[in-house]
Structure formats: C-alpha cells, structure tokens
PDB file of all heavy atoms in Angstrom:
ATOM      1  N   LEU A   1      28.673  -5.634   1.843  1.00  0.00           N
ATOM      2  CA  LEU A   1      29.089  -4.231   1.897  1.00  0.00           C
ATOM      3  C   LEU A   1      30.397  -4.019   1.138  1.00  0.00           C
ATOM      4  O   LEU A   1      30.557  -3.010   0.432  1.00  0.00           O
ATOM      5  CB  LEU A   1      29.244  -3.791   3.353  1.00  0.00           C
ATOM      6  CG  LEU A   1      27.968  -3.768   4.202  1.00  0.00           C
ATOM      7  CD1 LEU A   1      28.297  -3.372   5.642  1.00  0.00           C
ATOM      8  CD2 LEU A   1      26.925  -2.823   3.628  1.00  0.00           C
ATOM      9  N   ASN A   2      31.322  -4.964   1.241  1.00  0.00           N
ATOM     10  CA  ASN A   2      32.596  -4.849   0.524  1.00  0.00           C
ATOM     11  C   ASN A   2      32.404  -4.941  -0.986  1.00  0.00           C
ATOM     12  O   ASN A   2      33.170  -4.342  -1.755  1.00  0.00           O
ATOM     13  CB  ASN A   2      33.568  -5.931   0.996  1.00  0.00           C
ATOM     14  CG  ASN A   2      34.101  -5.659   2.387  1.00  0.00           C
ATOM     15  OD1 ASN A   2      34.177  -4.501   2.820  1.00  0.00           O
ATOM     16  ND2 ASN A   2      34.463  -6.717   3.105  1.00  0.00           N
ATOM     17  N   ILE A   3      31.380  -5.695  -1.424  1.00  0.00           N
ATOM     18  CA  ILE A   3      31.110  -5.819  -2.857  1.00  0.00           C
ATOM     19  C   ILE A   3      30.628  -4.488  -3.440  1.00  0.00           C
ATOM     20  O   ILE A   3      31.008  -4.115  -4.555  1.00  0.00           O
ATOM     21  CB  ILE A   3      30.060  -6.929  -3.114  1.00  0.00           C
ATOM     22  CG1 ILE A   3      30.653  -8.299  -2.769  1.00  0.00           C
ATOM     23  CG2 ILE A   3      29.598  -6.918  -4.570  1.00  0.00           C
ATOM     24  CD1 ILE A   3      29.637  -9.431  -2.860  1.00  0.00           C
ATOM     25  N   VAL A   4      29.826  -3.752  -2.682  1.00  0.00           N
ATOM     26  CA  VAL A   4      29.245  -2.515  -3.221  1.00  0.00           C
ATOM     27  C   VAL A   4      30.057  -1.268  -2.865  1.00  0.00           C
ATOM     28  O   VAL A   4      29.773  -0.190  -3.390  1.00  0.00           O
ATOM     29  CB  VAL A   4      27.786  -2.339  -2.736  1.00  0.00           C
ATOM     30  CG1 VAL A   4      26.932  -3.512  -3.185  1.00  0.00           C
ATOM     31  CG2 VAL A   4      27.712  -2.167  -1.227  1.00  0.00           C
ATOM     32  N   ARG A   5      31.062  -1.395  -2.027  1.00  0.00           N
ATOM     33  CA  ARG A   5      31.838  -0.211  -1.611  1.00  0.00           C
ATOM     34  C   ARG A   5      32.599   0.474  -2.751  1.00  0.00           C
ATOM     35  O   ARG A   5      32.806   1.684  -2.692  1.00  0.00           O
ATOM     36  CB  ARG A   5      32.789  -0.581  -0.472  1.00  0.00           C
ATOM     37  CG  ARG A   5      32.105  -0.509   0.882  1.00  0.00           C
ATOM     38  CD  ARG A   5      33.069  -0.448   2.048  1.00  0.00           C
ATOM     39  NE  ARG A   5      32.315  -0.360   3.294  1.00  0.00           N
ATOM     40  CZ  ARG A   5      32.254  -1.319   4.214  1.00  0.00           C
ATOM     41  NH1 ARG A   5      32.913  -2.451   4.013  1.00  0.00           N
ATOM     42  NH2 ARG A   5      31.551  -1.154   5.315  1.00  0.00           N
ATOM     43  N   PRO A   6      33.053  -0.252  -3.782  1.00  0.00           N
ATOM     44  CA  PRO A   6      33.698   0.466  -4.887  1.00  0.00           C
ATOM     45  C   PRO A   6      32.791   1.523  -5.520  1.00  0.00           C
ATOM     46  O   PRO A   6      33.278   2.520  -6.060  1.00  0.00           O
ATOM     47  CB  PRO A   6      34.018  -0.656  -5.882  1.00  0.00           C
ATOM     48  CG  PRO A   6      34.205  -1.863  -5.031  1.00  0.00           C
ATOM     49  CD  PRO A   6      33.194  -1.710  -3.932  1.00  0.00           C
ATOM     50  N   LEU A   7      31.496   1.318  -5.441  1.00  0.00           N
ATOM     51  CA  LEU A   7      30.550   2.302  -5.974  1.00  0.00           C
ATOM     52  C   LEU A   7      30.051   3.267  -4.899  1.00  0.00           C
ATOM     53  O   LEU A   7      29.876   4.459  -5.150  1.00  0.00           O
ATOM     54  CB  LEU A   7      29.343   1.581  -6.593  1.00  0.00           C
ATOM     55  CG  LEU A   7      29.554   0.931  -7.958  1.00  0.00           C
ATOM     56  CD1 LEU A   7      28.315   0.147  -8.356  1.00  0.00           C
ATOM     57  CD2 LEU A   7      29.880   1.972  -9.018  1.00  0.00           C
ATOM     58  N   TYR A   8      29.791   2.715  -3.703  1.00  0.00           N
ATOM     59  CA  TYR A   8      29.239   3.519  -2.613  1.00  0.00           C
ATOM     60  C   TYR A   8      30.227   3.502  -1.450  1.00  0.00           C
ATOM     61  O   TYR A   8      30.127   2.670  -0.541  1.00  0.00           O
ATOM     62  CB  TYR A   8      27.878   2.962  -2.174  1.00  0.00           C
ATOM     63  CG  TYR A   8      26.978   2.550  -3.321  1.00  0.00           C
ATOM     64  CD1 TYR A   8      26.393   1.274  -3.353  1.00  0.00           C
ATOM     65  CD2 TYR A   8      26.711   3.408  -4.380  1.00  0.00           C
ATOM     66  CE1 TYR A   8      25.573   0.886  -4.398  1.00  0.00           C
ATOM     67  CE2 TYR A   8      25.900   3.019  -5.438  1.00  0.00           C
ATOM     68  CZ  TYR A   8      25.338   1.759  -5.435  1.00  0.00           C
ATOM     69  OH  TYR A   8      24.535   1.370  -6.464  1.00  0.00           O
ATOM     70  N   ALA A   9      31.170   4.399  -1.493  1.00  0.00           N
ATOM     71  CA  ALA A   9      32.283   4.375  -0.531  1.00  0.00           C
ATOM     72  C   ALA A   9      31.820   4.536   0.915  1.00  0.00           C
ATOM     73  O   ALA A   9      32.439   4.002   1.836  1.00  0.00           O
ATOM     74  CB  ALA A   9      33.297   5.463  -0.885  1.00  0.00           C
ATOM     75  N   ASP A  10      30.756   5.256   1.120  1.00  0.00           N
ATOM     76  CA  ASP A  10      30.297   5.548   2.479  1.00  0.00           C
ATOM     77  C   ASP A  10      29.228   4.583   2.984  1.00  0.00           C
ATOM     78  O   ASP A  10      28.589   4.845   4.011  1.00  0.00           O
ATOM     79  CB  ASP A  10      29.738   6.976   2.554  1.00  0.00           C
ATOM     80  CG  ASP A  10      30.797   8.020   2.220  1.00  0.00           C
ATOM     81  OD1 ASP A  10      31.968   7.783   2.565  1.00  0.00           O
ATOM     82  OD2 ASP A  10      30.443   9.053   1.619  1.00  0.00           O
ATOM     83  N   VAL A  11      29.018   3.471   2.275  1.00  0.00           N
ATOM     84  CA  VAL A  11      27.943   2.558   2.654  1.00  0.00           C
ATOM     85  C   VAL A  11      28.270   1.865   3.974  1.00  0.00           C
ATOM     86  O   VAL A  11      29.415   1.485   4.237  1.00  0.00           O
ATOM     87  CB  VAL A  11      27.687   1.520   1.540  1.00  0.00           C
ATOM     88  CG1 VAL A  11      28.846   0.542   1.410  1.00  0.00           C
ATOM     89  CG2 VAL A  11      26.387   0.765   1.785  1.00  0.00           C
ATOM     90  N   THR A  12      27.265   1.716   4.808  1.00  0.00           N
ATOM     91  CA  THR A  12      27.363   0.980   6.074  1.00  0.00           C
ATOM     92  C   THR A  12      26.145   0.077   6.188  1.00  0.00           C
ATOM     93  O   THR A  12      25.217   0.148   5.369  1.00  0.00           O
ATOM     94  CB  THR A  12      27.399   1.933   7.280  1.00  0.00           C
ATOM     95  OG1 THR A  12      26.142   2.628   7.352  1.00  0.00           O
ATOM     96  CG2 THR A  12      28.544   2.930   7.159  1.00  0.00           C
ATOM     97  N   LEU A  13      26.120  -0.738   7.209  1.00  0.00           N
ATOM     98  CA  LEU A  13      24.963  -1.595   7.431  1.00  0.00           C
ATOM     99  C   LEU A  13      23.702  -0.766   7.642  1.00  0.00           C
ATOM    100  O   LEU A  13      22.616  -1.139   7.194  1.00  0.00           O
ATOM    101  CB  LEU A  13      25.207  -2.498   8.638  1.00  0.00           C
ATOM    102  CG  LEU A  13      24.070  -3.472   9.012  1.00  0.00           C
ATOM    103  CD1 LEU A  13      23.749  -4.395   7.847  1.00  0.00           C
ATOM    104  CD2 LEU A  13      24.448  -4.289  10.249  1.00  0.00           C
ATOM    105  N   GLN A  14      23.857   0.380   8.306  1.00  0.00           N
ATOM    106  CA  GLN A  14      22.702   1.237   8.616  1.00  0.00           C
ATOM    107  C   GLN A  14      22.127   1.921   7.371  1.00  0.00           C
ATOM    108  O   GLN A  14      20.910   2.100   7.261  1.00  0.00           O
ATOM    109  CB  GLN A  14      23.088   2.288   9.662  1.00  0.00           C
ATOM    110  CG  GLN A  14      23.308   1.749  11.062  1.00  0.00           C
ATOM    111  CD  GLN A  14      24.580   0.905  11.166  1.00  0.00           C
ATOM    112  OE1 GLN A  14      25.574   1.180  10.482  1.00  0.00           O
ATOM    113  NE2 GLN A  14      24.534  -0.123  12.018  1.00  0.00           N
ATOM    114  N   ASN A  15      22.967   2.288   6.432  1.00  0.00           N
ATOM    115  CA  ASN A  15      22.460   3.026   5.266  1.00  0.00           C
ATOM    116  C   ASN A  15      22.494   2.197   3.982  1.00  0.00           C
ATOM    117  O   ASN A  15      22.285   2.723   2.890  1.00  0.00           O
ATOM    118  CB  ASN A  15      23.240   4.326   5.061  1.00  0.00           C
ATOM    119  CG  ASN A  15      24.714   4.090   4.752  1.00  0.00           C
ATOM    120  OD1 ASN A  15      25.119   2.997   4.341  1.00  0.00           O
ATOM    121  ND2 ASN A  15      25.525   5.115   4.949  1.00  0.00           N
ATOM    122  N   PHE A  16      22.776   0.884   4.111  1.00  0.00           N
ATOM    123  CA  PHE A  16      22.911   0.042   2.914  1.00  0.00           C
ATOM    124  C   PHE A  16      21.695   0.125   2.006  1.00  0.00           C
ATOM    125  O   PHE A  16      21.823   0.313   0.794  1.00  0.00           O
ATOM    126  CB  PHE A  16      23.155  -1.418   3.319  1.00  0.00           C
ATOM    127  CG  PHE A  16      23.053  -2.365   2.149  1.00  0.00           C
ATOM    128  CD1 PHE A  16      24.101  -2.493   1.267  1.00  0.00           C
ATOM    129  CD2 PHE A  16      21.888  -3.102   1.931  1.00  0.00           C
ATOM    130  CE1 PHE A  16      24.009  -3.351   0.173  1.00  0.00           C
ATOM    131  CE2 PHE A  16      21.791  -3.951   0.843  1.00  0.00           C
ATOM    132  CZ  PHE A  16      22.850  -4.085  -0.032  1.00  0.00           C
ATOM    133  N   TYR A  17      20.509  -0.048   2.569  1.00  0.00           N
ATOM    134  CA  TYR A  17      19.308  -0.073   1.725  1.00  0.00           C
ATOM    135  C   TYR A  17      19.061   1.260   1.040  1.00  0.00           C
ATOM    136  O   TYR A  17      18.586   1.294  -0.108  1.00  0.00           O
ATOM    137  CB  TYR A  17      18.091  -0.483   2.553  1.00  0.00           C
ATOM    138  CG  TYR A  17      18.018  -1.975   2.804  1.00  0.00           C
ATOM    139  CD1 TYR A  17      18.068  -2.486   4.094  1.00  0.00           C
ATOM    140  CD2 TYR A  17      17.894  -2.874   1.753  1.00  0.00           C
ATOM    141  CE1 TYR A  17      18.007  -3.852   4.332  1.00  0.00           C
ATOM    142  CE2 TYR A  17      17.837  -4.238   1.969  1.00  0.00           C
ATOM    143  CZ  TYR A  17      17.896  -4.727   3.260  1.00  0.00           C
ATOM    144  OH  TYR A  17      17.842  -6.079   3.471  1.00  0.00           O
ATOM    145  N   ALA A  18      19.374   2.355   1.687  1.00  0.00           N
ATOM    146  CA  ALA A  18      19.206   3.662   1.059  1.00  0.00           C
ATOM    147  C   ALA A  18      20.095   3.773  -0.179  1.00  0.00           C
ATOM    148  O   ALA A  18      19.664   4.252  -1.242  1.00  0.00           O
ATOM    149  CB  ALA A  18      19.534   4.777   2.053  1.00  0.00           C
ATOM    150  N   TYR A  19      21.348   3.320  -0.043  1.00  0.00           N
ATOM    151  CA  TYR A  19      22.258   3.344  -1.192  1.00  0.00           C
ATOM    152  C   TYR A  19      21.826   2.349  -2.259  1.00  0.00           C
ATOM    153  O   TYR A  19      21.680   2.691  -3.438  1.00  0.00           O
ATOM    154  CB  TYR A  19      23.689   3.012  -0.743  1.00  0.00           C
ATOM    155  CG  TYR A  19      24.477   4.194  -0.257  1.00  0.00           C
ATOM    156  CD1 TYR A  19      24.579   4.479   1.105  1.00  0.00           C
ATOM    157  CD2 TYR A  19      25.145   5.027  -1.153  1.00  0.00           C
ATOM    158  CE1 TYR A  19      25.322   5.560   1.557  1.00  0.00           C
ATOM    159  CE2 TYR A  19      25.886   6.112  -0.709  1.00  0.00           C
ATOM    160  CZ  TYR A  19      25.975   6.375   0.647  1.00  0.00           C
ATOM    161  OH  TYR A  19      26.706   7.450   1.074  1.00  0.00           O
ATOM    162  N   TYR A  20      21.671   1.092  -1.837  1.00  0.00           N
ATOM    163  CA  TYR A  20      21.472   0.023  -2.813  1.00  0.00           C
ATOM    164  C   TYR A  20      20.132   0.137  -3.545  1.00  0.00           C
ATOM    165  O   TYR A  20      20.066  -0.032  -4.774  1.00  0.00           O
ATOM    166  CB  TYR A  20      21.570  -1.332  -2.111  1.00  0.00           C
ATOM    167  CG  TYR A  20      21.358  -2.496  -3.046  1.00  0.00           C
ATOM    168  CD1 TYR A  20      22.286  -2.792  -4.040  1.00  0.00           C
ATOM    169  CD2 TYR A  20      20.225  -3.301  -2.948  1.00  0.00           C
ATOM    170  CE1 TYR A  20      22.099  -3.845  -4.911  1.00  0.00           C
ATOM    171  CE2 TYR A  20      20.020  -4.361  -3.806  1.00  0.00           C
ATOM    172  CZ  TYR A  20      20.960  -4.633  -4.785  1.00  0.00           C
ATOM    173  OH  TYR A  20      20.760  -5.683  -5.655  1.00  0.00           O
ATOM    174  N   LEU A  21      19.063   0.400  -2.811  1.00  0.00           N
ATOM    175  CA  LEU A  21      17.738   0.426  -3.432  1.00  0.00           C
ATOM    176  C   LEU A  21      17.542   1.642  -4.327  1.00  0.00           C
ATOM    177  O   LEU A  21      16.989   1.523  -5.429  1.00  0.00           O
ATOM    178  CB  LEU A  21      16.651   0.393  -2.358  1.00  0.00           C
ATOM    179  CG  LEU A  21      16.572  -0.885  -1.516  1.00  0.00           C
ATOM    180  CD1 LEU A  21      15.471  -0.777  -0.483  1.00  0.00           C
ATOM    181  CD2 LEU A  21      16.357  -2.123  -2.393  1.00  0.00           C
ATOM    182  N   PHE A  22      18.014   2.801  -3.891  1.00  0.00           N
ATOM    183  CA  PHE A  22      17.685   4.035  -4.615  1.00  0.00           C
ATOM    184  C   PHE A  22      18.803   4.544  -5.523  1.00  0.00           C
ATOM    185  O   PHE A  22      18.563   5.390  -6.382  1.00  0.00           O
ATOM    186  CB  PHE A  22      17.267   5.114  -3.615  1.00  0.00           C
ATOM    187  CG  PHE A  22      16.043   4.724  -2.834  1.00  0.00           C
ATOM    188  CD1 PHE A  22      16.137   4.316  -1.514  1.00  0.00           C
ATOM    189  CD2 PHE A  22      14.794   4.716  -3.441  1.00  0.00           C
ATOM    190  CE1 PHE A  22      15.009   3.927  -0.804  1.00  0.00           C
ATOM    191  CE2 PHE A  22      13.662   4.334  -2.735  1.00  0.00           C
ATOM    192  CZ  PHE A  22      13.773   3.937  -1.414  1.00  0.00           C
ATOM    193  N   LEU A  23      20.015   4.013  -5.346  1.00  0.00           N
ATOM    194  CA  LEU A  23      21.101   4.335  -6.273  1.00  0.00           C
ATOM    195  C   LEU A  23      21.464   3.148  -7.158  1.00  0.00           C
ATOM    196  O   LEU A  23      22.169   3.311  -8.154  1.00  0.00           O
ATOM    197  CB  LEU A  23      22.348   4.789  -5.498  1.00  0.00           C
ATOM    198  CG  LEU A  23      22.219   6.089  -4.709  1.00  0.00           C
ATOM    199  CD1 LEU A  23      23.533   6.409  -3.992  1.00  0.00           C
ATOM    200  CD2 LEU A  23      21.813   7.244  -5.610  1.00  0.00           C
ATOM    201  N   GLY A  24      21.002   1.963  -6.763  1.00  0.00           N
ATOM    202  CA  GLY A  24      21.292   0.754  -7.526  1.00  0.00           C
ATOM    203  C   GLY A  24      20.071   0.160  -8.189  1.00  0.00           C
ATOM    204  O   GLY A  24      19.871   0.283  -9.396  1.00  0.00           O
ATOM    205  N   VAL A  25      19.210  -0.461  -7.397  1.00  0.00           N
ATOM    206  CA  VAL A  25      18.081  -1.231  -7.936  1.00  0.00           C
ATOM    207  C   VAL A  25      17.127  -0.370  -8.770  1.00  0.00           C
ATOM    208  O   VAL A  25      16.800  -0.717  -9.909  1.00  0.00           O
ATOM    209  CB  VAL A  25      17.315  -1.913  -6.785  1.00  0.00           C
ATOM    210  CG1 VAL A  25      16.018  -2.535  -7.299  1.00  0.00           C
ATOM    211  CG2 VAL A  25      18.177  -2.983  -6.146  1.00  0.00           C
ATOM    212  N   ALA A  26      16.658   0.739  -8.212  1.00  0.00           N
ATOM    213  CA  ALA A  26      15.657   1.551  -8.908  1.00  0.00           C
ATOM    214  C   ALA A  26      16.174   2.111 -10.237  1.00  0.00           C
ATOM    215  O   ALA A  26      15.543   1.901 -11.289  1.00  0.00           O
ATOM    216  CB  ALA A  26      15.155   2.668  -7.992  1.00  0.00           C
ATOM    217  N   PRO A  27      17.312   2.819 -10.272  1.00  0.00           N
ATOM    218  CA  PRO A  27      17.779   3.333 -11.565  1.00  0.00           C
ATOM    219  C   PRO A  27      18.206   2.229 -12.525  1.00  0.00           C
ATOM    220  O   PRO A  27      18.031   2.369 -13.748  1.00  0.00           O
ATOM    221  CB  PRO A  27      18.962   4.229 -11.184  1.00  0.00           C
ATOM    222  CG  PRO A  27      19.370   3.810  -9.832  1.00  0.00           C
ATOM    223  CD  PRO A  27      18.141   3.299  -9.159  1.00  0.00           C
ATOM    224  N   PHE A  28      18.753   1.125 -11.973  1.00  0.00           N
ATOM    225  CA  PHE A  28      19.145   0.006 -12.842  1.00  0.00           C
ATOM    226  C   PHE A  28      17.932  -0.556 -13.582  1.00  0.00           C
ATOM    227  O   PHE A  28      17.962  -0.728 -14.804  1.00  0.00           O
ATOM    228  CB  PHE A  28      19.799  -1.093 -12.001  1.00  0.00           C
ATOM    229  CG  PHE A  28      20.048  -2.366 -12.760  1.00  0.00           C
ATOM    230  CD1 PHE A  28      21.132  -2.480 -13.608  1.00  0.00           C
ATOM    231  CD2 PHE A  28      19.185  -3.454 -12.644  1.00  0.00           C
ATOM    232  CE1 PHE A  28      21.364  -3.651 -14.323  1.00  0.00           C
ATOM    233  CE2 PHE A  28      19.404  -4.622 -13.345  1.00  0.00           C
ATOM    234  CZ  PHE A  28      20.492  -4.719 -14.181  1.00  0.00           C
ATOM    235  N   ASN A  29      16.881  -0.863 -12.846  1.00  0.00           N
ATOM    236  CA  ASN A  29      15.679  -1.413 -13.488  1.00  0.00           C
ATOM    237  C   ASN A  29      14.990  -0.393 -14.378  1.00  0.00           C
ATOM    238  O   ASN A  29      14.439  -0.745 -15.424  1.00  0.00           O
ATOM    239  CB  ASN A  29      14.713  -1.937 -12.421  1.00  0.00           C
ATOM    240  CG  ASN A  29      15.115  -3.306 -11.909  1.00  0.00           C
ATOM    241  OD1 ASN A  29      14.934  -4.317 -12.571  1.00  0.00           O
ATOM    242  ND2 ASN A  29      15.696  -3.342 -10.722  1.00  0.00           N
ATOM    243  N   LEU A  30      15.032   0.860 -13.981  1.00  0.00           N
ATOM    244  CA  LEU A  30      14.439   1.904 -14.814  1.00  0.00           C
ATOM    245  C   LEU A  30      15.160   1.992 -16.160  1.00  0.00           C
ATOM    246  O   LEU A  30      14.521   2.071 -17.215  1.00  0.00           O
ATOM    247  CB  LEU A  30      14.496   3.249 -14.089  1.00  0.00           C
ATOM    248  CG  LEU A  30      13.863   4.430 -14.817  1.00  0.00           C
ATOM    249  CD1 LEU A  30      12.372   4.188 -15.070  1.00  0.00           C
ATOM    250  CD2 LEU A  30      14.060   5.711 -14.007  1.00  0.00           C
ATOM    251  N   LEU A  31      16.491   1.952 -16.132  1.00  0.00           N
ATOM    252  CA  LEU A  31      17.273   2.003 -17.372  1.00  0.00           C
ATOM    253  C   LEU A  31      17.038   0.762 -18.218  1.00  0.00           C
ATOM    254  O   LEU A  31      16.731   0.853 -19.414  1.00  0.00           O
ATOM    255  CB  LEU A  31      18.758   2.135 -17.033  1.00  0.00           C
ATOM    256  CG  LEU A  31      19.726   2.028 -18.213  1.00  0.00           C
ATOM    257  CD1 LEU A  31      19.494   3.170 -19.192  1.00  0.00           C
ATOM    258  CD2 LEU A  31      21.176   1.995 -17.726  1.00  0.00           C
ATOM    259  N   ARG A  32      17.176  -0.402 -17.608  1.00  0.00           N
ATOM    260  CA  ARG A  32      17.053  -1.669 -18.345  1.00  0.00           C
ATOM    261  C   ARG A  32      15.681  -1.833 -18.981  1.00  0.00           C
ATOM    262  O   ARG A  32      15.553  -2.185 -20.161  1.00  0.00           O
ATOM    263  CB  ARG A  32      17.349  -2.838 -17.395  1.00  0.00           C
ATOM    264  CG  ARG A  32      17.339  -4.202 -18.042  1.00  0.00           C
ATOM    265  CD  ARG A  32      17.648  -5.288 -17.032  1.00  0.00           C
ATOM    266  NE  ARG A  32      16.543  -5.546 -16.137  1.00  0.00           N
ATOM    267  CZ  ARG A  32      15.506  -6.326 -16.431  1.00  0.00           C
ATOM    268  NH1 ARG A  32      15.422  -6.900 -17.622  1.00  0.00           N
ATOM    269  NH2 ARG A  32      14.557  -6.538 -15.547  1.00  0.00           N
ATOM    270  N   LEU A  33      14.654  -1.547 -18.199  1.00  0.00           N
ATOM    271  CA  LEU A  33      13.298  -1.772 -18.698  1.00  0.00           C
ATOM    272  C   LEU A  33      12.826  -0.650 -19.618  1.00  0.00           C
ATOM    273  O   LEU A  33      11.957  -0.870 -20.463  1.00  0.00           O
ATOM    274  CB  LEU A  33      12.340  -1.953 -17.529  1.00  0.00           C
ATOM    275  CG  LEU A  33      12.590  -3.240 -16.748  1.00  0.00           C
ATOM    276  CD1 LEU A  33      11.770  -3.261 -15.470  1.00  0.00           C
ATOM    277  CD2 LEU A  33      12.287  -4.465 -17.590  1.00  0.00           C
ATOM    278  N   SER A  34      13.392   0.520 -19.487  1.00  0.00           N
ATOM    279  CA  SER A  34      13.079   1.592 -20.445  1.00  0.00           C
ATOM    280  C   SER A  34      13.597   1.216 -21.825  1.00  0.00           C
ATOM    281  O   SER A  34      12.922   1.448 -22.841  1.00  0.00           O
ATOM    282  CB  SER A  34      13.695   2.918 -19.986  1.00  0.00           C
ATOM    283  OG  SER A  34      13.084   3.365 -18.796  1.00  0.00           O
ATOM    284  N   ILE A  35      14.801   0.609 -21.869  1.00  0.00           N
ATOM    285  CA  ILE A  35      15.327   0.135 -23.153  1.00  0.00           C
ATOM    286  C   ILE A  35      14.442  -0.983 -23.705  1.00  0.00           C
ATOM    287  O   ILE A  35      14.110  -1.015 -24.896  1.00  0.00           O
ATOM    288  CB  ILE A  35      16.779  -0.348 -22.989  1.00  0.00           C
ATOM    289  CG1 ILE A  35      17.681   0.816 -22.580  1.00  0.00           C
ATOM    290  CG2 ILE A  35      17.276  -0.982 -24.286  1.00  0.00           C
ATOM    291  CD1 ILE A  35      19.089   0.395 -22.211  1.00  0.00           C
ATOM    292  N   THR A  36      14.038  -1.915 -22.840  1.00  0.00           N
ATOM    293  CA  THR A  36      13.152  -3.005 -23.253  1.00  0.00           C
ATOM    294  C   THR A  36      11.831  -2.471 -23.779  1.00  0.00           C
ATOM    295  O   THR A  36      11.327  -2.926 -24.816  1.00  0.00           O
ATOM    296  CB  THR A  36      12.888  -3.956 -22.072  1.00  0.00           C
ATOM    297  OG1 THR A  36      14.124  -4.469 -21.582  1.00  0.00           O
ATOM    298  CG2 THR A  36      11.995  -5.118 -22.497  1.00  0.00           C
ATOM    299  N   ALA A  37      11.263  -1.490 -23.078  1.00  0.00           N
ATOM    300  CA  ALA A  37       9.994  -0.897 -23.500  1.00  0.00           C
ATOM    301  C   ALA A  37      10.146  -0.180 -24.842  1.00  0.00           C
ATOM    302  O   ALA A  37       9.275  -0.269 -25.714  1.00  0.00           O
ATOM    303  CB  ALA A  37       9.495   0.070 -22.425  1.00  0.00           C
ATOM    304  N   LEU A  38      11.251   0.536 -25.005  1.00  0.00           N
ATOM    305  CA  LEU A  38      11.489   1.244 -26.269  1.00  0.00           C
ATOM    306  C   LEU A  38      11.612   0.265 -27.428  1.00  0.00           C
ATOM    307  O   LEU A  38      11.038   0.474 -28.504  1.00  0.00           O
ATOM    308  CB  LEU A  38      12.751   2.100 -26.150  1.00  0.00           C
ATOM    309  CG  LEU A  38      13.157   2.877 -27.416  1.00  0.00           C
ATOM    310  CD1 LEU A  38      12.061   3.867 -27.800  1.00  0.00           C
ATOM    311  CD2 LEU A  38      14.475   3.603 -27.199  1.00  0.00           C
ATOM    312  N   LEU A  39      12.349  -0.828 -27.208  1.00  0.00           N
ATOM    313  CA  LEU A  39      12.482  -1.845 -28.251  1.00  0.00           C
ATOM    314  C   LEU A  39      11.125  -2.461 -28.592  1.00  0.00           C
ATOM    315  O   LEU A  39      10.813  -2.699 -29.770  1.00  0.00           O
ATOM    316  CB  LEU A  39      13.453  -2.936 -27.791  1.00  0.00           C
ATOM    317  CG  LEU A  39      14.930  -2.534 -27.710  1.00  0.00           C
ATOM    318  CD1 LEU A  39      15.745  -3.655 -27.076  1.00  0.00           C
ATOM    319  CD2 LEU A  39      15.474  -2.193 -29.084  1.00  0.00           C
ATOM    320  N   THR A  40      10.320  -2.717 -27.573  1.00  0.00           N
ATOM    321  CA  THR A  40       8.973  -3.261 -27.806  1.00  0.00           C
ATOM    322  C   THR A  40       8.146  -2.300 -28.640  1.00  0.00           C
ATOM    323  O   THR A  40       7.481  -2.706 -29.602  1.00  0.00           O
ATOM    324  CB  THR A  40       8.266  -3.529 -26.463  1.00  0.00           C
ATOM    325  OG1 THR A  40       9.054  -4.415 -25.672  1.00  0.00           O
ATOM    326  CG2 THR A  40       6.888  -4.140 -26.690  1.00  0.00           C
TER     327      THR A  40
END
C-alpha cells in the first residue's frame, strides 16, 4: 500500500484492488499492448 500511495493517496486494504486493477493494471496493459499492436 505504501508503494502505490504516491499515485493513489486514498488507497486502503479494502479498496486496493479497485485502484490497482482498474487504474493501474488495465490501463497500463492497454497502453503498452496498443503500442505493441500498432508497431506490429
């Protein structure tokens, strides 16, 4: 939680997955792989 708090100030154990999965993992992979797909 301390690692991700600089980005998600209000993150807690209860809402961690909501923040991390939908503000971190999903857009991160969407951006990264969209660039990969475009290059392909």
